[in-house]
Each structure stands twice: as C-alpha cells, then as structure tokens.
C-alpha cells in the first residue's frame, strides 16, 4: 500500500473539527517502508501543530525495527508524549509479538528520552496472557530503568476467536497492587485497570507526568 501524503493534513483537520486538546496518533506497522512510516508520523505532528497550536500531540509508534534514524525523525517533530508499548513479558513474545524484540522495544524508549528529555515517554502492557507476578514486576523495573515516565497496565481482551485466548481475568485488587508498585518504583504516572489502554485518559496521563496530577491520577 502506497503512502498518502495528504493523510497528515486530513488528520489535523479532523483534530480541528473535533476540538481536541490532546490527540493520540498511531498507525499499523509499516515495516516494509525504509523508515517504518516515521516521516508520516512527523508530518502529522507538524500539521496538527500548524492547525491546532494549543492541542497536545502524543504518538504511539512501532519500534521502527530499532532504526535510530527513523525514531529521530519522529522525535525531531517534538511530540508532547512519545509512546511505544512493550505489550507483554519477554517469555511470551514469541507467542504474542513474534515480529518484535523485547530489548529492542526498551532501547527505543530509552533513545526517545535521550533525544528529547523534556517529553514524557510512555509504555504499557496487557495482563491475562499467562504472565506471572514476578515477570510483570521485572518488566516494570526494566521500563523504569529505560526512562519510561508513564506506565499503562490493562486486561487483555480477545478481539476474535482467531486471536490468542485469555488465560485469566485479573482481579481489580491485582491492578491496584501493581499501581502501588509502580508508584514505589518512581513512575511519574501509572494507569492500571482492566479497561486501561494506551489512549485511555491520555491527557490526564500526560498531565500526571508533568506534575499536575499525582502518580495515581487523582486530583
């Protein structure tokens, strides 16, 4: 599928029509492209800023196959928040994310923070795929050590019978316990609950990371 270079402008127009104050821009993986679609992300950020100067822009990107220069193109456009999800614990990658590499995802997040220390970095994962408590805690430590500011934790929900089955439904108490662990580790904001997703209350997550909300998301 060829690139549509009018798409960034159309996205900015949609943001304007909806009167958004925080826009989350994401895409399907375009690994067949040399830059993984980085230039389109950058153009979309710039178009949104041009047409909606007060709107915050968050991007949720693929790992660009770990190509530093591709990530640099996106960060040079100065998104307000950079997000790349690790999705699950490393033991489950071959089953859940067969095309991805856990350590590469962590490296991309660290690079993003090094490229623009002022912008919060964000990542998250799903529970209910067969992970253990200790594996989850280890992933959280890894994310914090790679300079992730905002952490999101949600319940995996099976989109269709062609997708991986749910191994278990995680109780609310466990989500609360993980939020508390994240607070102890020093994440600037933690969102943890069964229906949490990357764009869930994204503006509040960004505000929390910059200090206007505390780590639990409470006013």
Protein backbone atom coordinates (compact mmCIF):
# COMPACT_ATOMS: atom_id res chain seq x y z
CA UNK A 1 0.00 0.00 0.00
CA UNK A 2 1.45 3.34 -1.04
CA UNK A 3 1.71 6.30 1.34
CA UNK A 4 -0.93 9.01 1.23
CA UNK A 5 0.88 12.27 1.93
CA UNK A 6 -2.44 14.10 2.26
CA UNK A 7 -3.30 11.99 5.31
CA UNK A 8 -1.35 14.11 7.84
CA UNK A 9 -3.30 17.20 6.83
CA UNK A 10 -6.62 15.31 6.96
CA UNK A 11 -5.79 14.08 10.46
CA UNK A 12 -5.06 17.67 11.52
CA UNK A 13 -8.37 18.79 10.03
CA UNK A 14 -10.20 16.07 11.96
CA UNK A 15 -8.48 17.15 15.18
CA UNK A 16 -9.60 20.72 14.47
CA UNK A 17 -13.20 19.71 13.76
CA UNK A 18 -13.40 17.67 16.97
CA UNK A 19 -11.82 20.44 19.03
CA UNK A 20 -9.35 18.06 20.65
CA UNK A 21 -6.93 19.27 23.28
CA UNK A 22 -4.91 16.04 23.29
CA UNK A 23 -4.60 13.93 20.14
CA UNK A 24 -3.12 10.41 20.08
CA UNK A 25 -1.67 9.48 16.70
CA UNK A 26 -0.91 5.84 15.90
CA UNK A 27 -0.64 3.52 12.91
CA UNK A 28 -0.41 -0.02 11.75
CA UNK A 29 3.12 -1.39 11.39
CA UNK A 30 4.69 -0.42 8.06
CA UNK A 31 7.85 -2.49 8.31
CA UNK A 32 8.08 -2.67 4.52
CA UNK A 33 8.91 1.04 4.42
CA UNK A 34 12.53 2.07 4.82
CA UNK A 35 11.72 4.44 7.70
CA UNK A 36 8.80 2.40 9.06
CA UNK A 37 6.45 5.34 8.46
CA UNK A 38 8.45 7.76 10.62
CA UNK A 39 8.15 10.60 8.10
CA UNK A 40 4.35 10.33 8.10
CA UNK A 41 4.27 10.49 11.90
CA UNK A 42 6.47 13.59 11.79
CA UNK A 43 4.35 15.26 9.11
CA UNK A 44 1.17 14.54 11.09
CA UNK A 45 2.61 16.09 14.26
CA UNK A 46 3.59 19.23 12.34
CA UNK A 47 0.22 19.54 10.59
CA UNK A 48 -1.67 19.19 13.88
CA UNK A 49 0.53 21.87 15.44
CA UNK A 50 0.03 24.17 12.45
CA UNK A 51 -3.75 23.90 12.53
CA UNK A 52 -4.28 23.32 16.26
CA UNK A 53 -1.48 25.14 18.12
CA UNK A 54 -2.95 24.51 21.60
CA UNK A 55 -3.51 20.78 21.08
CA UNK A 56 -1.03 18.36 22.70
CA UNK A 57 0.19 15.62 20.38
CA UNK A 58 1.02 12.11 21.57
CA UNK A 59 2.35 9.44 19.22
CA UNK A 60 2.11 5.69 19.65
CA UNK A 61 4.61 4.19 17.23
CA UNK A 62 6.03 0.82 16.22
CA UNK A 63 9.67 0.10 17.06
CA UNK A 64 10.90 1.07 13.55
CA UNK A 65 12.92 -2.18 13.65
CA UNK A 66 15.26 -0.42 16.05
CA UNK A 67 16.47 2.08 13.45
CA UNK A 68 17.76 5.06 15.42
CA UNK A 69 17.48 7.48 12.50
CA UNK A 70 13.81 6.66 11.94
CA UNK A 71 12.98 7.35 15.58
CA UNK A 72 14.96 10.60 15.38
CA UNK A 73 12.69 11.80 12.55
CA UNK A 74 9.66 11.42 14.84
CA UNK A 75 11.27 12.96 17.92
CA UNK A 76 12.59 15.90 15.88
CA UNK A 77 8.93 16.81 15.22
CA UNK A 78 8.63 17.25 19.01
CA UNK A 79 5.61 15.17 20.07
CA UNK A 80 4.43 16.11 23.56
CA UNK A 81 4.39 12.43 24.57
CA UNK A 82 6.21 9.50 22.96
CA UNK A 83 4.59 6.07 23.41
CA UNK A 84 5.75 2.61 22.39
CA UNK A 85 4.19 -0.39 24.11
CA UNK A 86 6.15 -3.45 25.24
CA UNK A 87 2.76 -5.28 25.36
CA UNK A 88 3.76 -8.34 27.44
CA UNK A 89 6.55 -10.08 29.34
CA UNK A 90 9.59 -11.30 27.34
CA UNK A 91 8.81 -15.02 27.82
CA UNK A 92 5.57 -14.58 25.87
CA UNK A 93 6.98 -12.57 22.97
CA UNK A 94 7.26 -15.50 20.54
CA UNK A 95 3.56 -16.20 21.03
CA UNK A 96 2.21 -12.68 21.47
CA UNK A 97 4.64 -10.47 19.47
CA UNK A 98 6.56 -12.81 17.15
CA UNK A 99 7.92 -9.97 14.98
CA UNK A 100 9.09 -7.87 17.93
CA UNK A 101 12.10 -7.99 20.24
CA UNK A 102 11.64 -7.05 23.90
CA UNK A 103 15.09 -5.49 24.38
CA UNK A 104 14.69 -3.53 21.15
CA UNK A 105 11.43 -2.02 22.42
CA UNK A 106 13.16 -0.97 25.63
CA UNK A 107 16.04 0.55 23.66
CA UNK A 108 13.64 2.59 21.51
CA UNK A 109 12.04 4.03 24.64
CA UNK A 110 15.41 4.96 26.13
CA UNK A 111 16.51 6.57 22.86
CA UNK A 112 13.33 8.64 22.75
CA UNK A 113 14.04 10.03 26.21
CA UNK A 114 17.67 10.76 25.32
CA UNK A 115 16.60 12.55 22.14
CA UNK A 116 14.15 14.82 23.98
CA UNK A 117 14.44 14.60 27.78
CA UNK A 118 11.64 17.15 28.26
CA UNK A 119 8.94 14.98 26.67
CA UNK A 120 7.38 12.20 28.75
CA UNK A 121 7.87 8.65 27.47
CA UNK A 122 5.10 6.13 27.87
CA UNK A 123 4.70 2.37 27.57
CA UNK A 124 2.33 -0.34 28.67
CA UNK A 125 1.42 -3.99 28.66
CA UNK A 126 -1.57 -6.32 28.95
CA UNK A 127 -2.30 -8.86 31.65
CA UNK A 128 -4.14 -12.15 31.28
CA UNK A 129 -1.88 -13.85 28.72
CA UNK A 130 -0.16 -16.26 31.09
CA UNK A 131 2.42 -13.98 32.71
CA UNK A 132 3.42 -14.34 36.37
CA UNK A 133 3.55 -11.64 39.04
CA UNK A 134 7.35 -11.78 39.21
CA UNK A 135 7.62 -11.44 35.41
CA UNK A 136 5.39 -8.36 35.49
CA UNK A 137 7.41 -6.73 38.26
CA UNK A 138 10.60 -7.42 36.30
CA UNK A 139 9.14 -5.76 33.20
CA UNK A 140 8.15 -2.73 35.27
CA UNK A 141 11.69 -2.47 36.61
CA UNK A 142 13.06 -2.74 33.07
CA UNK A 143 10.74 0.01 31.86
CA UNK A 144 11.70 2.31 34.72
CA UNK A 145 15.40 1.68 34.12
CA UNK A 146 14.86 2.64 30.47
CA UNK A 147 13.41 6.02 31.48
CA UNK A 148 9.70 5.35 30.91
CA UNK A 149 7.66 8.06 32.67
CA UNK A 150 4.07 6.90 32.13
CA UNK A 151 3.00 3.28 32.66
CA UNK A 152 -0.30 1.78 31.48
CA UNK A 153 -1.50 -1.68 32.53
CA UNK A 154 -4.67 -3.25 31.15
CA UNK A 155 -6.53 -6.53 30.74
CA UNK A 156 -6.04 -8.47 27.50
CA UNK A 157 -9.41 -8.90 25.78
CA UNK A 158 -9.65 -11.34 22.89
CA UNK A 159 -10.77 -9.47 19.74
CA UNK A 160 -11.90 -12.66 17.94
CA UNK A 161 -11.60 -16.45 18.02
CA UNK A 162 -8.60 -16.11 15.68
CA UNK A 163 -6.66 -14.30 18.42
CA UNK A 164 -4.94 -15.73 21.48
CA UNK A 165 -7.29 -16.94 24.21
CA UNK A 166 -7.50 -15.19 27.56
CA UNK A 167 -5.65 -17.15 30.23
CA UNK A 168 -7.30 -15.35 33.13
CA UNK A 169 -9.23 -12.25 34.13
CA UNK A 170 -7.08 -10.24 36.52
CA UNK A 171 -8.85 -9.05 39.69
CA UNK A 172 -9.11 -5.36 40.49
CA UNK A 173 -7.01 -5.87 43.60
CA UNK A 174 -4.08 -7.00 41.48
CA UNK A 175 -4.32 -3.96 39.23
CA UNK A 176 -4.35 -1.77 42.35
CA UNK A 177 -1.32 -3.59 43.77
CA UNK A 178 0.60 -3.07 40.53
CA UNK A 179 -0.27 0.62 40.57
CA UNK A 180 1.15 0.81 44.09
CA UNK A 181 4.31 -1.00 42.96
CA UNK A 182 4.68 1.43 40.08
CA UNK A 183 4.40 4.34 42.48
CA UNK A 184 7.13 2.85 44.68
CA UNK A 185 9.40 2.40 41.66
CA UNK A 186 9.09 6.07 40.79
CA UNK A 187 7.00 6.18 37.60
CA UNK A 188 5.68 9.69 37.09
CA UNK A 189 2.18 8.39 36.32
CA UNK A 190 0.56 4.93 36.49
CA UNK A 191 -2.79 3.94 34.97
CA UNK A 192 -3.78 0.40 35.93
CA UNK A 193 -7.15 -1.29 35.42
CA UNK A 194 -9.00 -3.85 33.29
CA UNK A 195 -10.13 -1.36 30.65
CA UNK A 196 -6.95 0.74 30.53
CA UNK A 197 -5.50 1.24 27.06
CA UNK A 198 -2.78 3.48 25.63
CA UNK A 199 -5.20 6.30 24.82
CA UNK A 200 -7.27 5.83 27.99
CA UNK A 201 -7.39 9.26 29.71
CA UNK A 202 -4.26 10.12 27.73
CA UNK A 203 -4.43 13.83 28.56
CA UNK A 204 -4.61 13.06 32.29
CA UNK A 205 -1.65 10.69 31.99
CA UNK A 206 0.38 13.43 30.31
CA UNK A 207 -0.65 15.96 32.93
CA UNK A 208 0.30 13.49 35.65
CA UNK A 209 3.75 13.02 34.16
CA UNK A 210 4.34 16.77 34.16
CA UNK A 211 3.24 17.18 37.76
CA UNK A 212 -0.33 18.49 37.62
CA UNK A 213 -1.64 15.09 38.75
CA UNK A 214 -0.04 12.68 41.15
CA UNK A 215 1.07 9.17 40.21
CA UNK A 216 -2.31 7.59 40.94
CA UNK A 217 -4.13 10.00 38.64
CA UNK A 218 -6.08 11.67 41.46
CA UNK A 219 -6.63 15.42 41.50
